[in-house]
């Protein structure tokens, strides 16, 4: 069973790279792609942003209810919210 992964800072350079790698790895299922609410890529498919094709996971500002792990490439103040 793949680990459910949430990526914070998902629309940034490193977040998109993590999403691309996770999409190609059967050990991970992208459960969420998180950005700050005012980010211009909120609502866009993370797979398209990462260049790996549509994944059906849109960038959001809310964390999903269910996840196994988080990779955080956000800003320090956002990282505090991730820890909560």
N, C-alpha and C. Protein backbone atom coordinates (compact mmCIF):
# COMPACT_ATOMS: atom_id res chain seq x y z
N UNK A 1 0.84 -1.18 0.00
CA UNK A 1 0.00 0.00 0.00
C UNK A 1 0.89 1.24 0.00
N UNK A 2 0.69 2.15 -0.97
CA UNK A 2 1.54 3.33 -1.04
C UNK A 2 1.27 4.31 0.10
N UNK A 3 2.31 5.02 0.51
CA UNK A 3 2.19 6.05 1.54
C UNK A 3 1.51 7.27 0.95
N UNK A 4 0.54 7.83 1.70
CA UNK A 4 -0.17 9.03 1.27
C UNK A 4 0.67 10.25 1.61
N UNK A 5 1.09 10.96 0.57
CA UNK A 5 2.03 12.07 0.69
C UNK A 5 1.34 13.41 0.48
N UNK A 6 1.66 14.36 1.35
CA UNK A 6 1.24 15.75 1.18
C UNK A 6 2.50 16.58 0.93
N UNK A 7 2.44 17.44 -0.07
CA UNK A 7 3.57 18.31 -0.40
C UNK A 7 3.16 19.75 -0.13
N UNK A 8 3.84 20.41 0.79
CA UNK A 8 3.59 21.83 1.02
C UNK A 8 4.64 22.64 0.26
N UNK A 9 4.22 23.78 -0.23
CA UNK A 9 5.09 24.52 -1.15
C UNK A 9 5.09 23.81 -2.50
N UNK A 10 3.98 23.16 -2.82
CA UNK A 10 3.90 22.26 -3.97
C UNK A 10 4.12 22.95 -5.31
N UNK A 11 3.76 24.20 -5.45
CA UNK A 11 3.88 24.87 -6.73
C UNK A 11 5.24 25.54 -6.94
N UNK A 12 6.10 25.44 -5.95
CA UNK A 12 7.46 25.97 -6.10
C UNK A 12 8.34 25.00 -6.87
N UNK A 13 9.55 25.43 -7.16
CA UNK A 13 10.48 24.60 -7.94
C UNK A 13 10.70 23.23 -7.30
N UNK A 14 11.02 23.20 -6.02
CA UNK A 14 11.29 21.93 -5.36
C UNK A 14 10.00 21.12 -5.13
N UNK A 15 8.91 21.80 -4.82
CA UNK A 15 7.65 21.10 -4.63
C UNK A 15 7.20 20.38 -5.89
N UNK A 16 7.35 21.03 -7.03
CA UNK A 16 6.99 20.41 -8.31
C UNK A 16 7.90 19.22 -8.60
N UNK A 17 9.16 19.33 -8.24
CA UNK A 17 10.09 18.21 -8.48
C UNK A 17 9.71 17.02 -7.60
N UNK A 18 9.38 17.28 -6.33
CA UNK A 18 8.94 16.21 -5.43
C UNK A 18 7.68 15.56 -5.99
N UNK A 19 6.75 16.36 -6.46
CA UNK A 19 5.51 15.82 -7.03
C UNK A 19 5.80 14.93 -8.24
N UNK A 20 6.70 15.38 -9.10
CA UNK A 20 7.05 14.58 -10.28
C UNK A 20 7.66 13.24 -9.88
N UNK A 21 8.57 13.27 -8.92
CA UNK A 21 9.20 12.02 -8.47
C UNK A 21 8.20 11.10 -7.79
N UNK A 22 7.33 11.67 -6.95
CA UNK A 22 6.33 10.86 -6.24
C UNK A 22 5.34 10.24 -7.21
N UNK A 23 4.97 10.98 -8.25
CA UNK A 23 4.01 10.47 -9.23
C UNK A 23 4.55 9.25 -9.98
N UNK A 24 5.87 9.17 -10.11
CA UNK A 24 6.50 8.07 -10.82
C UNK A 24 6.88 6.91 -9.92
N UNK A 25 6.67 7.04 -8.62
CA UNK A 25 7.10 6.03 -7.65
C UNK A 25 5.87 5.33 -7.06
N UNK A 26 5.78 4.04 -7.24
CA UNK A 26 4.62 3.27 -6.76
C UNK A 26 4.52 3.22 -5.24
N UNK A 27 5.54 3.68 -4.54
CA UNK A 27 5.52 3.69 -3.08
C UNK A 27 4.79 4.89 -2.49
N UNK A 28 4.39 5.84 -3.37
CA UNK A 28 3.72 7.06 -2.91
C UNK A 28 2.43 7.30 -3.68
N UNK A 29 1.47 7.87 -2.96
CA UNK A 29 0.23 8.38 -3.54
C UNK A 29 0.14 9.84 -3.09
N UNK A 30 0.07 10.76 -4.02
CA UNK A 30 -0.02 12.16 -3.64
C UNK A 30 -1.44 12.41 -3.13
N UNK A 31 -1.52 12.73 -1.84
CA UNK A 31 -2.82 12.95 -1.19
C UNK A 31 -3.16 14.43 -1.11
N UNK A 32 -2.17 15.28 -1.30
CA UNK A 32 -2.41 16.72 -1.23
C UNK A 32 -1.24 17.51 -1.72
N UNK A 33 -1.55 18.66 -2.32
CA UNK A 33 -0.55 19.61 -2.79
C UNK A 33 -0.98 20.97 -2.24
N UNK A 34 -0.19 21.52 -1.33
CA UNK A 34 -0.59 22.68 -0.55
C UNK A 34 0.22 23.92 -0.92
N UNK A 35 -0.50 25.04 -1.03
CA UNK A 35 0.10 26.36 -1.22
C UNK A 35 -0.68 27.38 -0.40
N UNK A 36 -0.12 28.56 -0.22
CA UNK A 36 -0.84 29.62 0.50
C UNK A 36 -2.07 30.00 -0.32
N UNK A 37 -3.15 30.45 0.33
CA UNK A 37 -4.42 30.70 -0.36
C UNK A 37 -4.34 31.65 -1.55
N UNK A 38 -3.46 32.64 -1.48
CA UNK A 38 -3.39 33.63 -2.56
C UNK A 38 -2.45 33.22 -3.71
N UNK A 39 -1.86 32.05 -3.63
CA UNK A 39 -0.93 31.60 -4.68
C UNK A 39 -1.68 31.44 -6.01
N UNK A 40 -1.11 31.92 -7.11
CA UNK A 40 -1.81 31.85 -8.40
C UNK A 40 -2.05 30.44 -8.93
N UNK A 41 -1.35 29.45 -8.40
CA UNK A 41 -1.53 28.07 -8.88
C UNK A 41 -2.55 27.26 -8.08
N UNK A 42 -3.16 27.87 -7.06
CA UNK A 42 -4.22 27.17 -6.32
C UNK A 42 -5.34 26.84 -7.31
N UNK A 43 -5.80 25.60 -7.28
CA UNK A 43 -6.84 25.14 -8.19
C UNK A 43 -6.31 24.41 -9.41
N UNK A 44 -5.02 24.51 -9.66
CA UNK A 44 -4.42 23.83 -10.82
C UNK A 44 -3.96 22.42 -10.43
N UNK A 45 -3.94 21.52 -11.40
CA UNK A 45 -3.52 20.15 -11.18
C UNK A 45 -2.00 20.09 -10.95
N UNK A 46 -1.58 19.47 -9.86
CA UNK A 46 -0.15 19.41 -9.53
C UNK A 46 0.64 18.62 -10.56
N UNK A 47 0.04 17.63 -11.16
CA UNK A 47 0.73 16.87 -12.19
C UNK A 47 1.05 17.71 -13.41
N UNK A 48 0.11 18.55 -13.81
CA UNK A 48 0.36 19.44 -14.94
C UNK A 48 1.43 20.45 -14.61
N UNK A 49 1.39 21.00 -13.38
CA UNK A 49 2.42 21.95 -12.96
C UNK A 49 3.79 21.29 -12.92
N UNK A 50 3.83 20.01 -12.52
CA UNK A 50 5.10 19.29 -12.39
C UNK A 50 5.58 18.69 -13.71
N UNK A 51 4.75 18.77 -14.74
CA UNK A 51 5.16 18.28 -16.05
C UNK A 51 5.02 16.78 -16.23
N UNK A 52 4.17 16.14 -15.44
CA UNK A 52 4.02 14.68 -15.57
C UNK A 52 2.62 14.27 -16.01
N UNK A 53 1.82 15.23 -16.42
CA UNK A 53 0.46 14.94 -16.86
C UNK A 53 -0.53 15.07 -15.72
N UNK A 54 -1.79 15.10 -16.08
CA UNK A 54 -2.85 15.31 -15.10
C UNK A 54 -2.92 14.16 -14.10
N UNK A 55 -2.95 14.53 -12.79
CA UNK A 55 -3.02 13.53 -11.72
C UNK A 55 -4.36 13.57 -10.99
N UNK A 56 -5.16 14.60 -11.25
CA UNK A 56 -6.43 14.73 -10.56
C UNK A 56 -6.29 15.24 -9.13
N UNK A 57 -5.14 15.81 -8.80
CA UNK A 57 -4.89 16.40 -7.48
C UNK A 57 -4.64 17.89 -7.68
N UNK A 58 -5.59 18.71 -7.27
CA UNK A 58 -5.44 20.16 -7.42
C UNK A 58 -4.70 20.75 -6.23
N UNK A 59 -3.93 21.78 -6.51
CA UNK A 59 -3.25 22.54 -5.45
C UNK A 59 -4.33 23.25 -4.63
N UNK A 60 -4.24 23.10 -3.31
CA UNK A 60 -5.21 23.70 -2.39
C UNK A 60 -4.47 24.42 -1.26
N UNK A 61 -5.23 25.15 -0.48
CA UNK A 61 -4.64 25.79 0.69
C UNK A 61 -5.00 25.04 1.98
N UNK A 62 -5.86 24.05 1.90
CA UNK A 62 -6.22 23.25 3.07
C UNK A 62 -5.56 21.88 2.99
N UNK A 63 -5.16 21.40 4.16
CA UNK A 63 -4.55 20.09 4.25
C UNK A 63 -5.62 19.01 4.17
N UNK A 64 -5.33 17.88 3.53
CA UNK A 64 -6.31 16.79 3.49
C UNK A 64 -6.46 16.16 4.87
N UNK A 65 -7.55 15.47 5.07
CA UNK A 65 -7.81 14.83 6.36
C UNK A 65 -6.92 13.61 6.61
N UNK A 66 -6.45 12.98 5.55
CA UNK A 66 -5.73 11.73 5.70
C UNK A 66 -4.39 11.78 4.96
N UNK A 67 -3.32 11.56 5.68
CA UNK A 67 -1.98 11.51 5.08
C UNK A 67 -1.05 10.73 5.99
N UNK A 68 -0.03 10.15 5.38
CA UNK A 68 0.97 9.41 6.14
C UNK A 68 2.23 10.23 6.39
N UNK A 69 2.56 11.11 5.44
CA UNK A 69 3.77 11.92 5.58
C UNK A 69 3.64 13.21 4.82
N UNK A 70 4.48 14.17 5.20
CA UNK A 70 4.50 15.50 4.57
C UNK A 70 5.93 15.83 4.19
N UNK A 71 6.08 16.36 3.00
CA UNK A 71 7.36 16.95 2.60
C UNK A 71 7.08 18.44 2.45
N UNK A 72 7.80 19.25 3.20
CA UNK A 72 7.52 20.67 3.29
C UNK A 72 8.63 21.49 2.66
N UNK A 73 8.31 22.16 1.55
CA UNK A 73 9.23 23.11 0.91
C UNK A 73 8.58 24.48 0.91
N UNK A 74 7.96 24.83 2.03
CA UNK A 74 7.27 26.11 2.14
C UNK A 74 8.14 27.11 2.90
N UNK A 75 7.49 28.20 3.29
CA UNK A 75 8.15 29.24 4.08
C UNK A 75 8.06 28.89 5.56
N UNK A 76 8.94 29.43 6.41
CA UNK A 76 8.94 29.07 7.83
C UNK A 76 7.59 29.22 8.54
N UNK A 77 6.86 30.30 8.26
CA UNK A 77 5.57 30.49 8.94
C UNK A 77 4.55 29.45 8.50
N UNK A 78 4.65 28.94 7.29
CA UNK A 78 3.76 27.89 6.80
C UNK A 78 4.16 26.55 7.44
N UNK A 79 5.44 26.35 7.65
CA UNK A 79 5.91 25.09 8.25
C UNK A 79 5.31 24.90 9.64
N UNK A 80 5.10 25.99 10.37
CA UNK A 80 4.49 25.88 11.69
C UNK A 80 3.06 25.33 11.59
N UNK A 81 2.32 25.75 10.57
CA UNK A 81 0.97 25.24 10.35
C UNK A 81 1.02 23.76 9.98
N UNK A 82 2.02 23.37 9.22
CA UNK A 82 2.18 21.98 8.84
C UNK A 82 2.36 21.10 10.07
N UNK A 83 3.12 21.58 11.03
CA UNK A 83 3.36 20.81 12.25
C UNK A 83 2.08 20.59 13.05
N UNK A 84 1.19 21.57 13.02
CA UNK A 84 -0.09 21.43 13.72
C UNK A 84 -0.88 20.31 13.08
